[in-house]
C-alpha cells in the first residue's frame, strides 16, 4: 500500500512514501487505487477525488482546512493549495 486513508469520511489519503507523477498507488482503508498527479512527499496528503476551490479537506474524520484552488483526483494537497482552519 502506498496511501493510507484514516477514516471513511476522509477526502484525502496520506502518502506512505514518496510518490511520483503517473504512479498508481493503492489506498489502504479505501480499497481503491489512484493515479498520482505530481510529486507527493512522504507524509503529505493526496486528493481522493477532484475538488473545487472552497471545498473543505477532511483528514482523520476532521475538517483541517479549505482548498485555495481546485485540484484533480490524485493531486498533492499541502500549503500551496490548502488554507488551514486552525489559524
C-alpha atoms as a PDB file:
ATOM      1  CA  UNK A   1       0.000   0.000   0.000  1.00  0.00           C
ATOM      2  CA  UNK A   2       1.264   3.465  -0.885  1.00  0.00           C
ATOM      3  CA  UNK A   3      -1.543   5.592   0.606  1.00  0.00           C
ATOM      4  CA  UNK A   4      -3.427   5.454   3.903  1.00  0.00           C
ATOM      5  CA  UNK A   5      -6.996   6.711   4.285  1.00  0.00           C
ATOM      6  CA  UNK A   6      -7.526   7.053   8.048  1.00  0.00           C
ATOM      7  CA  UNK A   7     -11.323   7.456   8.126  1.00  0.00           C
ATOM      8  CA  UNK A   8     -14.010   6.513   5.587  1.00  0.00           C
ATOM      9  CA  UNK A   9     -15.153  10.174   5.791  1.00  0.00           C
ATOM     10  CA  UNK A  10     -11.763  11.464   4.532  1.00  0.00           C
ATOM     11  CA  UNK A  11     -11.366  13.071   1.108  1.00  0.00           C
ATOM     12  CA  UNK A  12      -7.551  12.811   1.289  1.00  0.00           C
ATOM     13  CA  UNK A  13      -5.120   9.956   1.904  1.00  0.00           C
ATOM     14  CA  UNK A  14      -1.604  10.083   3.386  1.00  0.00           C
ATOM     15  CA  UNK A  15       1.428   9.147   1.272  1.00  0.00           C
ATOM     16  CA  UNK A  16       3.321   6.310   2.994  1.00  0.00           C
ATOM     17  CA  UNK A  17       6.355   7.009   0.807  1.00  0.00           C
ATOM     18  CA  UNK A  18       7.451   9.500  -1.846  1.00  0.00           C
ATOM     19  CA  UNK A  19       5.127   9.324  -4.870  1.00  0.00           C
ATOM     20  CA  UNK A  20       5.810  10.309  -8.479  1.00  0.00           C
ATOM     21  CA  UNK A  21       3.545  11.625 -11.260  1.00  0.00           C
ATOM     22  CA  UNK A  22       1.734   8.825 -13.101  1.00  0.00           C
ATOM     23  CA  UNK A  23       2.416   6.274 -10.351  1.00  0.00           C
ATOM     24  CA  UNK A  24      -0.540   4.039  -9.457  1.00  0.00           C
ATOM     25  CA  UNK A  25      -0.933   3.944  -5.679  1.00  0.00           C
ATOM     26  CA  UNK A  26      -3.139   1.528  -3.737  1.00  0.00           C
ATOM     27  CA  UNK A  27      -5.155   3.040  -0.901  1.00  0.00           C
ATOM     28  CA  UNK A  28      -5.180   1.178   2.410  1.00  0.00           C
ATOM     29  CA  UNK A  29      -8.513   1.674   4.139  1.00  0.00           C
ATOM     30  CA  UNK A  30     -10.212   2.832   0.950  1.00  0.00           C
ATOM     31  CA  UNK A  31      -9.901  -0.293  -1.229  1.00  0.00           C
ATOM     32  CA  UNK A  32      -9.117   1.682  -4.372  1.00  0.00           C
ATOM     33  CA  UNK A  33      -6.207   2.905  -6.479  1.00  0.00           C
ATOM     34  CA  UNK A  34      -5.234   6.433  -7.525  1.00  0.00           C
ATOM     35  CA  UNK A  35      -3.036   7.727 -10.324  1.00  0.00           C
ATOM     36  CA  UNK A  36      -0.745  10.304  -8.713  1.00  0.00           C
ATOM     37  CA  UNK A  37      -0.875  13.765 -10.329  1.00  0.00           C
ATOM     38  CA  UNK A  38       2.502  15.311  -9.416  1.00  0.00           C
ATOM     39  CA  UNK A  39       5.269  14.704  -6.896  1.00  0.00           C
ATOM     40  CA  UNK A  40       3.993  13.944  -3.381  1.00  0.00           C
ATOM     41  CA  UNK A  41       6.477  13.684  -0.489  1.00  0.00           C
ATOM     42  CA  UNK A  42       6.043  11.028   2.192  1.00  0.00           C
ATOM     43  CA  UNK A  43       3.561  12.087   4.870  1.00  0.00           C
ATOM     44  CA  UNK A  44       1.735  14.581   2.641  1.00  0.00           C
ATOM     45  CA  UNK A  45      -1.896  14.408   1.550  1.00  0.00           C
ATOM     46  CA  UNK A  46      -3.333  13.236  -1.795  1.00  0.00           C
ATOM     47  CA  UNK A  47      -6.821  14.146  -3.069  1.00  0.00           C
ATOM     48  CA  UNK A  48      -9.132  11.129  -3.201  1.00  0.00           C
ATOM     49  CA  UNK A  49     -11.402  12.955  -5.681  1.00  0.00           C
ATOM     50  CA  UNK A  50     -11.426  16.085  -7.801  1.00  0.00           C
ATOM     51  CA  UNK A  51     -12.491  19.097  -5.729  1.00  0.00           C
ATOM     52  CA  UNK A  52     -13.237  22.783  -6.281  1.00  0.00           C
ATOM     53  CA  UNK A  53     -11.799  25.875  -4.617  1.00  0.00           C
ATOM     54  CA  UNK A  54     -13.502  26.455  -1.256  1.00  0.00           C
ATOM     55  CA  UNK A  55     -14.193  22.779  -0.523  1.00  0.00           C
ATOM     56  CA  UNK A  56     -13.251  21.509   2.914  1.00  0.00           C
ATOM     57  CA  UNK A  57     -10.472  18.947   3.341  1.00  0.00           C
ATOM     58  CA  UNK A  58     -11.236  16.099   5.751  1.00  0.00           C
ATOM     59  CA  UNK A  59      -8.358  14.086   7.267  1.00  0.00           C
ATOM     60  CA  UNK A  60      -8.871  11.522  10.060  1.00  0.00           C
ATOM     61  CA  UNK A  61     -12.558  12.471  10.067  1.00  0.00           C
ATOM     62  CA  UNK A  62     -11.769  16.118  10.929  1.00  0.00           C
ATOM     63  CA  UNK A  63     -12.056  19.208   8.715  1.00  0.00           C
ATOM     64  CA  UNK A  64      -8.479  20.530   8.587  1.00  0.00           C
ATOM     65  CA  UNK A  65      -8.790  23.278   6.006  1.00  0.00           C
ATOM     66  CA  UNK A  66     -10.274  24.714   2.825  1.00  0.00           C
ATOM     67  CA  UNK A  67      -8.887  24.482  -0.700  1.00  0.00           C
ATOM     68  CA  UNK A  68      -7.480  27.743  -2.119  1.00  0.00           C
ATOM     69  CA  UNK A  69      -7.722  26.304  -5.639  1.00  0.00           C
ATOM     70  CA  UNK A  70      -9.365  23.351  -7.346  1.00  0.00           C
ATOM     71  CA  UNK A  71      -7.486  20.042  -7.541  1.00  0.00           C
ATOM     72  CA  UNK A  72      -7.704  16.849  -9.571  1.00  0.00           C
ATOM     73  CA  UNK A  73      -8.073  13.388  -8.090  1.00  0.00           C
ATOM     74  CA  UNK A  74      -4.555  12.209  -7.156  1.00  0.00           C
ATOM     75  CA  UNK A  75      -3.196  15.747  -6.622  1.00  0.00           C
ATOM     76  CA  UNK A  76      -0.820  16.789  -3.832  1.00  0.00           C
ATOM     77  CA  UNK A  77      -2.635  18.693  -1.058  1.00  0.00           C
ATOM     78  CA  UNK A  78      -0.424  20.947   1.058  1.00  0.00           C
ATOM     79  CA  UNK A  79       0.135  24.626   1.975  1.00  0.00           C
ATOM     80  CA  UNK A  80       0.259  25.677  -1.701  1.00  0.00           C
ATOM     81  CA  UNK A  81      -3.441  24.842  -2.187  1.00  0.00           C
ATOM     82  CA  UNK A  82      -4.842  24.467   1.345  1.00  0.00           C
ATOM     83  CA  UNK A  83      -5.728  27.124   3.919  1.00  0.00           C
ATOM     84  CA  UNK A  84      -5.782  25.831   7.491  1.00  0.00           C
ATOM     85  CA  UNK A  85      -8.916  26.058   9.632  1.00  0.00           C
ATOM     86  CA  UNK A  86      -6.662  26.467  12.693  1.00  0.00           C
ATOM     87  CA  UNK A  87      -5.229  29.945  12.042  1.00  0.00           C
END
